[in-house]
Amino acid sequence: MNLTRHANFMVLHVTTILVMSLGYLFQISHYQALYHLHFLFFTNYALWSSVQTPFQALFLLHWLTAQSCRFLICL
């Protein structure tokens, strides 16, 4: 597994935990949180495939976190 794939996997794992935790804090169902997470990943696949460095992966994690928070606040 090269560095890019490993970084993508770690970002996916951390983001999943983060979204599930935010879902718990905002008292929404885990299914809604997972649905939103999958929506973000599959609609932004071009971003994921363009990640070349761990720094880019962290930036994408930050962006996904902001989008998730915006989604949860709007519920």
Protein backbone atom coordinates (compact mmCIF):
# COMPACT_ATOMS: atom_id res chain seq x y z
CA MET A 1 0.00 0.00 0.00
CA ASN A 2 1.61 3.27 -1.04
CA LEU A 3 1.54 6.46 1.00
CA THR A 4 -1.35 8.04 -0.92
CA ARG A 5 -3.62 5.03 -0.50
CA HIS A 6 -2.69 4.76 3.17
CA ALA A 7 -3.41 8.47 3.71
CA ASN A 8 -6.76 8.15 1.95
CA PHE A 9 -7.67 5.15 4.08
CA MET A 10 -6.74 6.97 7.29
CA VAL A 11 -8.72 10.05 6.31
CA LEU A 12 -11.73 7.87 5.46
CA HIS A 13 -11.47 6.12 8.83
CA VAL A 14 -11.07 9.32 10.85
CA THR A 15 -13.86 11.07 8.95
CA THR A 16 -16.22 8.16 9.55
CA ILE A 17 -15.55 8.29 13.30
CA LEU A 18 -15.89 12.08 13.31
CA VAL A 19 -19.21 12.13 11.46
CA MET A 20 -20.61 9.37 13.67
CA SER A 21 -19.53 11.30 16.78
CA LEU A 22 -21.05 14.53 15.49
CA GLY A 23 -24.23 12.64 14.71
CA TYR A 24 -24.35 11.40 18.29
CA LEU A 25 -23.73 14.89 19.68
CA PHE A 26 -26.44 16.43 17.51
CA GLN A 27 -28.85 13.58 18.35
CA ILE A 28 -29.43 12.42 14.78
CA SER A 29 -29.57 8.82 13.73
CA HIS A 30 -26.41 7.02 12.69
CA TYR A 31 -28.13 6.18 9.41
CA GLN A 32 -28.53 9.86 8.56
CA ALA A 33 -24.90 10.54 9.44
CA LEU A 34 -23.66 7.62 7.35
CA TYR A 35 -25.88 8.61 4.43
CA HIS A 36 -24.42 12.10 4.48
CA LEU A 37 -20.89 10.74 4.77
CA HIS A 38 -21.35 8.49 1.75
CA PHE A 39 -22.93 11.36 -0.18
CA LEU A 40 -19.85 13.50 0.50
CA PHE A 41 -17.44 10.77 -0.53
CA PHE A 42 -19.15 9.68 -3.71
CA THR A 43 -19.94 13.17 -4.97
CA ASN A 44 -16.38 14.28 -4.31
CA TYR A 45 -14.57 11.23 -5.65
CA ALA A 46 -12.50 13.43 -7.96
CA LEU A 47 -11.09 15.17 -4.90
CA TRP A 48 -10.20 11.86 -3.27
CA SER A 49 -8.50 10.54 -6.39
CA SER A 50 -6.42 13.71 -6.71
CA VAL A 51 -4.95 13.49 -3.18
CA GLN A 52 -1.18 13.09 -3.51
CA THR A 53 0.19 14.00 -0.08
CA PRO A 54 -0.86 13.60 3.56
CA PHE A 55 -1.22 17.40 3.73
CA GLN A 56 -3.80 17.31 0.94
CA ALA A 57 -5.59 14.48 2.77
CA LEU A 58 -5.70 16.59 5.95
CA PHE A 59 -7.04 19.56 4.01
CA LEU A 60 -9.75 17.37 2.51
CA LEU A 61 -10.57 16.04 5.99
CA HIS A 62 -10.96 19.64 7.17
CA TRP A 63 -13.25 20.44 4.24
CA LEU A 64 -15.38 17.33 4.80
CA THR A 65 -15.65 18.14 8.50
CA ALA A 66 -16.87 21.64 7.70
CA GLN A 67 -19.44 20.25 5.27
CA SER A 68 -20.62 17.70 7.84
CA CYS A 69 -20.97 20.36 10.54
CA ARG A 70 -22.95 22.56 8.15
CA PHE A 71 -25.23 19.62 7.35
CA LEU A 72 -25.79 18.78 11.02
CA ILE A 73 -26.49 22.39 12.00
CA CYS A 74 -29.09 22.67 9.22
CA LEU A 75 -31.06 19.66 10.52
